[in-house]
N, C-alpha and C. Protein backbone atom coordinates (compact mmCIF):
# COMPACT_ATOMS: atom_id res chain seq x y z
N MET A 1 131.99 97.42 89.83
CA MET A 1 130.98 98.05 89.03
C MET A 1 129.60 97.49 89.36
N ASP A 2 129.55 96.20 89.64
CA ASP A 2 128.29 95.55 89.95
C ASP A 2 127.69 96.13 91.23
N HIS A 3 128.54 96.44 92.20
CA HIS A 3 128.09 97.01 93.47
C HIS A 3 127.44 98.38 93.25
N LYS A 4 128.01 99.22 92.39
CA LYS A 4 127.46 100.53 92.11
C LYS A 4 126.08 100.41 91.46
N LYS A 5 125.89 99.44 90.59
CA LYS A 5 124.59 99.24 89.95
C LYS A 5 123.53 98.85 90.97
N ARG A 6 123.88 98.01 91.92
CA ARG A 6 122.94 97.58 92.96
C ARG A 6 122.55 98.75 93.86
N VAL A 7 123.51 99.57 94.23
CA VAL A 7 123.23 100.74 95.08
C VAL A 7 122.32 101.71 94.32
N PHE A 8 122.64 101.93 93.07
CA PHE A 8 121.82 102.82 92.24
C PHE A 8 120.41 102.27 92.08
N ALA A 9 120.26 100.99 91.82
CA ALA A 9 118.95 100.36 91.67
C ALA A 9 118.17 100.45 92.98
N SER A 10 118.82 100.28 94.10
CA SER A 10 118.16 100.40 95.41
C SER A 10 117.67 101.82 95.63
N PHE A 11 118.50 102.77 95.25
CA PHE A 11 118.13 104.18 95.39
C PHE A 11 116.89 104.50 94.54
N ILE A 12 116.86 104.04 93.30
CA ILE A 12 115.72 104.28 92.41
C ILE A 12 114.47 103.60 92.94
N LEU A 13 114.60 102.38 93.41
CA LEU A 13 113.46 101.65 93.95
C LEU A 13 112.90 102.34 95.20
N SER A 14 113.78 102.80 96.07
CA SER A 14 113.33 103.52 97.27
C SER A 14 112.57 104.79 96.89
N GLY A 15 113.08 105.51 95.93
CA GLY A 15 112.41 106.73 95.47
C GLY A 15 111.04 106.43 94.88
N ALA A 16 110.97 105.36 94.10
CA ALA A 16 109.69 104.98 93.48
C ALA A 16 108.66 104.60 94.53
N LEU A 17 109.10 104.01 95.63
CA LEU A 17 108.17 103.63 96.70
C LEU A 17 107.73 104.83 97.53
N LEU A 18 108.57 105.85 97.64
CA LEU A 18 108.25 107.03 98.44
C LEU A 18 107.40 108.06 97.71
N VAL A 19 107.41 108.08 96.41
CA VAL A 19 106.65 109.06 95.64
C VAL A 19 105.16 108.99 95.95
N PRO A 20 104.52 107.82 95.95
CA PRO A 20 103.09 107.81 96.27
C PRO A 20 102.77 108.31 97.68
N ILE A 21 103.64 108.07 98.63
CA ILE A 21 103.43 108.56 99.99
C ILE A 21 103.47 110.09 100.00
N GLY A 22 104.40 110.66 99.29
CA GLY A 22 104.50 112.12 99.20
C GLY A 22 103.30 112.74 98.53
N ALA A 23 102.73 112.06 97.55
CA ALA A 23 101.56 112.58 96.85
C ALA A 23 100.34 112.59 97.75
N LEU A 24 100.28 111.70 98.71
CA LEU A 24 99.13 111.64 99.61
C LEU A 24 99.23 112.61 100.78
N ALA A 25 100.39 113.15 101.00
CA ALA A 25 100.58 114.06 102.13
C ALA A 25 99.76 115.33 101.95
N LYS A 26 99.14 115.79 103.04
CA LYS A 26 98.37 117.03 103.01
C LYS A 26 99.32 118.21 103.11
N THR A 27 98.94 119.29 102.47
CA THR A 27 99.71 120.51 102.64
C THR A 27 99.33 121.12 103.97
N MET A 28 100.31 121.61 104.68
CA MET A 28 100.06 122.20 105.99
C MET A 28 99.70 123.67 105.82
N PRO A 29 98.71 124.14 106.59
CA PRO A 29 98.34 125.55 106.53
C PRO A 29 99.51 126.44 106.93
N GLN A 30 99.59 127.61 106.29
CA GLN A 30 100.72 128.50 106.53
C GLN A 30 100.53 129.40 107.75
N ASP A 31 99.28 129.70 108.11
CA ASP A 31 99.05 130.57 109.27
C ASP A 31 97.77 130.14 109.99
N ASP A 32 97.47 130.81 111.10
CA ASP A 32 96.30 130.44 111.90
C ASP A 32 95.00 130.62 111.14
N HIS A 33 94.89 131.69 110.38
CA HIS A 33 93.66 131.94 109.61
C HIS A 33 93.42 130.82 108.61
N GLU A 34 94.44 130.46 107.89
CA GLU A 34 94.33 129.38 106.90
C GLU A 34 94.01 128.05 107.60
N ARG A 35 94.62 127.81 108.75
CA ARG A 35 94.36 126.59 109.51
C ARG A 35 92.90 126.55 109.95
N HIS A 36 92.38 127.68 110.43
CA HIS A 36 90.98 127.74 110.87
C HIS A 36 90.04 127.47 109.70
N GLU A 37 90.32 128.05 108.54
CA GLU A 37 89.49 127.80 107.36
C GLU A 37 89.52 126.33 106.97
N GLN A 38 90.67 125.71 107.04
CA GLN A 38 90.80 124.30 106.69
C GLN A 38 90.01 123.44 107.67
N GLU A 39 90.09 123.76 108.95
CA GLU A 39 89.34 123.00 109.96
C GLU A 39 87.84 123.14 109.73
N GLU A 40 87.40 124.35 109.39
CA GLU A 40 85.98 124.58 109.14
C GLU A 40 85.50 123.73 107.96
N ARG A 41 86.28 123.69 106.91
CA ARG A 41 85.89 122.91 105.73
C ARG A 41 85.84 121.42 106.03
N GLU A 42 86.72 120.97 106.89
CA GLU A 42 86.84 119.54 107.13
C GLU A 42 85.90 119.03 108.20
N HIS A 43 85.29 119.94 108.97
CA HIS A 43 84.42 119.51 110.06
C HIS A 43 83.03 119.18 109.50
N ARG A 44 82.80 117.91 109.32
CA ARG A 44 81.51 117.46 108.79
C ARG A 44 80.86 116.54 109.81
N VAL A 45 79.54 116.61 109.85
CA VAL A 45 78.77 115.83 110.82
C VAL A 45 77.77 114.97 110.06
N TYR A 46 77.64 113.73 110.49
CA TYR A 46 76.76 112.78 109.82
C TYR A 46 75.37 112.81 110.44
N ASP A 47 74.35 112.85 109.59
CA ASP A 47 72.94 112.78 110.00
C ASP A 47 72.45 111.38 109.66
N PRO A 48 72.31 110.49 110.65
CA PRO A 48 71.98 109.09 110.36
C PRO A 48 70.58 108.89 109.79
N ASP A 49 69.63 109.74 110.14
CA ASP A 49 68.27 109.56 109.62
C ASP A 49 68.18 109.90 108.13
N ARG A 50 68.84 110.96 107.73
CA ARG A 50 68.84 111.35 106.32
C ARG A 50 69.99 110.73 105.54
N ARG A 51 70.90 110.13 106.28
CA ARG A 51 72.09 109.50 105.69
C ARG A 51 72.89 110.47 104.82
N ASP A 52 73.14 111.64 105.40
CA ASP A 52 73.95 112.63 104.69
C ASP A 52 74.84 113.37 105.68
N TYR A 53 75.76 114.13 105.13
CA TYR A 53 76.70 114.88 105.94
C TYR A 53 76.36 116.37 105.86
N HIS A 54 76.68 117.07 106.94
CA HIS A 54 76.48 118.51 107.01
C HIS A 54 77.79 119.15 107.41
N ASN A 55 78.13 120.26 106.78
CA ASN A 55 79.30 121.02 107.18
C ASN A 55 78.95 121.78 108.45
N TRP A 56 79.76 121.63 109.46
CA TRP A 56 79.52 122.33 110.71
C TRP A 56 80.27 123.64 110.64
N ASP A 57 79.60 124.66 110.18
CA ASP A 57 80.20 125.98 110.04
C ASP A 57 79.53 126.94 111.01
N GLN A 58 79.79 128.22 110.86
CA GLN A 58 79.24 129.22 111.76
C GLN A 58 77.71 129.21 111.71
N ARG A 59 77.15 129.07 110.52
CA ARG A 59 75.69 129.06 110.37
C ARG A 59 75.08 127.87 111.11
N GLU A 60 75.72 126.71 111.00
CA GLU A 60 75.21 125.52 111.67
C GLU A 60 75.34 125.67 113.18
N ASP A 61 76.43 126.25 113.63
CA ASP A 61 76.63 126.46 115.05
C ASP A 61 75.56 127.40 115.61
N GLU A 62 75.22 128.44 114.86
CA GLU A 62 74.17 129.36 115.29
C GLU A 62 72.82 128.66 115.37
N ALA A 63 72.52 127.81 114.40
CA ALA A 63 71.26 127.06 114.42
C ALA A 63 71.23 126.13 115.63
N TYR A 64 72.35 125.48 115.90
CA TYR A 64 72.43 124.56 117.04
C TYR A 64 72.21 125.31 118.35
N ARG A 65 72.83 126.48 118.47
CA ARG A 65 72.65 127.28 119.68
C ARG A 65 71.19 127.74 119.83
N HIS A 66 70.55 128.06 118.71
CA HIS A 66 69.13 128.45 118.73
C HIS A 66 68.28 127.27 119.22
N TRP A 67 68.59 126.08 118.75
CA TRP A 67 67.88 124.87 119.17
C TRP A 67 68.00 124.68 120.68
N LEU A 68 69.20 124.84 121.22
CA LEU A 68 69.40 124.71 122.66
C LEU A 68 68.62 125.79 123.42
N GLU A 69 68.66 127.00 122.86
CA GLU A 69 67.97 128.12 123.50
C GLU A 69 66.46 127.87 123.56
N GLU A 70 65.89 127.35 122.49
CA GLU A 70 64.46 127.05 122.47
C GLU A 70 64.09 126.06 123.58
N ARG A 71 65.01 125.19 123.90
CA ARG A 71 64.76 124.16 124.92
C ARG A 71 65.23 124.60 126.31
N HIS A 72 65.70 125.85 126.41
CA HIS A 72 66.19 126.39 127.68
C HIS A 72 67.29 125.52 128.27
N GLU A 73 68.20 125.10 127.40
CA GLU A 73 69.31 124.24 127.83
C GLU A 73 70.62 124.99 127.71
N ALA A 74 71.53 124.68 128.60
CA ALA A 74 72.86 125.27 128.56
C ALA A 74 73.63 124.67 127.38
N TYR A 75 74.59 125.43 126.89
CA TYR A 75 75.38 124.97 125.75
C TYR A 75 76.18 123.72 126.12
N VAL A 76 76.07 122.74 125.25
CA VAL A 76 76.86 121.51 125.32
C VAL A 76 77.39 121.28 123.92
N ASP A 77 78.66 121.01 123.79
CA ASP A 77 79.23 120.76 122.48
C ASP A 77 78.46 119.64 121.78
N TYR A 78 78.13 119.84 120.51
CA TYR A 78 77.33 118.86 119.77
C TYR A 78 77.93 117.46 119.86
N ASN A 79 79.23 117.36 119.77
CA ASN A 79 79.89 116.05 119.79
C ASN A 79 79.73 115.33 121.13
N ARG A 80 79.36 116.06 122.17
CA ARG A 80 79.16 115.44 123.48
C ARG A 80 77.73 114.93 123.68
N LEU A 81 76.82 115.29 122.77
CA LEU A 81 75.44 114.80 122.87
C LEU A 81 75.39 113.32 122.57
N ASN A 82 74.47 112.60 123.21
CA ASN A 82 74.30 111.20 122.84
C ASN A 82 73.58 111.13 121.49
N HIS A 83 73.54 109.97 120.89
CA HIS A 83 73.00 109.82 119.53
C HIS A 83 71.53 110.21 119.44
N LYS A 84 70.78 109.93 120.48
CA LYS A 84 69.36 110.27 120.48
C LYS A 84 69.19 111.79 120.38
N ARG A 85 69.95 112.53 121.18
CA ARG A 85 69.86 114.00 121.16
C ARG A 85 70.37 114.57 119.83
N GLN A 86 71.41 113.96 119.27
CA GLN A 86 71.89 114.43 117.96
C GLN A 86 70.80 114.24 116.91
N ARG A 87 70.10 113.12 116.97
CA ARG A 87 69.01 112.88 116.02
C ARG A 87 67.88 113.89 116.21
N GLU A 88 67.60 114.22 117.47
CA GLU A 88 66.58 115.23 117.74
C GLU A 88 66.97 116.57 117.10
N TYR A 89 68.25 116.91 117.23
CA TYR A 89 68.71 118.16 116.62
C TYR A 89 68.52 118.15 115.11
N TRP A 90 68.94 117.07 114.45
CA TRP A 90 68.84 117.05 112.99
C TRP A 90 67.39 117.03 112.53
N LYS A 91 66.51 116.40 113.28
CA LYS A 91 65.08 116.43 112.94
C LYS A 91 64.59 117.87 112.99
N TRP A 92 64.90 118.57 114.07
CA TRP A 92 64.52 119.97 114.22
C TRP A 92 65.15 120.81 113.12
N ARG A 93 66.41 120.54 112.86
CA ARG A 93 67.15 121.34 111.87
C ARG A 93 66.52 121.23 110.49
N HIS A 94 66.13 120.03 110.08
CA HIS A 94 65.53 119.86 108.75
C HIS A 94 64.14 120.48 108.70
N GLU A 95 63.45 120.48 109.81
CA GLU A 95 62.14 121.13 109.85
C GLU A 95 62.26 122.64 109.72
N HIS A 96 63.39 123.20 110.17
CA HIS A 96 63.58 124.65 110.16
C HIS A 96 64.39 125.16 108.98
N GLU A 97 64.86 124.28 108.14
CA GLU A 97 65.62 124.73 106.95
C GLU A 97 64.74 125.52 106.01
N GLU A 98 63.48 125.11 105.86
CA GLU A 98 62.56 125.82 104.96
C GLU A 98 62.37 127.26 105.42
N HIS A 99 62.21 127.46 106.73
CA HIS A 99 62.03 128.81 107.26
C HIS A 99 63.27 129.65 107.02
N GLU A 100 64.42 129.05 107.15
CA GLU A 100 65.67 129.76 106.95
C GLU A 100 65.82 130.21 105.50
N GLU A 101 65.42 129.36 104.56
CA GLU A 101 65.50 129.70 103.14
C GLU A 101 64.62 130.90 102.83
N HIS A 102 63.42 130.95 103.40
CA HIS A 102 62.51 132.07 103.16
C HIS A 102 63.04 133.37 103.74
N GLU A 103 63.71 133.31 104.87
CA GLU A 103 64.26 134.50 105.50
C GLU A 103 65.40 135.09 104.70
N ARG A 104 66.17 134.24 104.01
CA ARG A 104 67.32 134.72 103.24
C ARG A 104 66.89 135.38 101.94
N HIS A 105 65.73 135.02 101.42
CA HIS A 105 65.30 135.56 100.12
C HIS A 105 64.40 136.74 100.28
């Protein structure tokens, strides 16, 4: 009888240790569309000068491409830019946010 109690106690202890791990697990997207939406929400970029994060969504990608176009530069993925160039982009981006707000209204 003592052996059964130890096995049962081990089983309960193992379950108690696994519950927090299960609670931390992310739910997996069910299809490609849902996966793409999740990736879009999770893709955030840090602006070191303003010390804030920006969601890299379609609107941000369009602004980034416009910035490259103004400089007559070929497309390079933002993550491949060195830190100096990333800072240049965010400086330009914050200067142009006001213009973007006026165009939307």
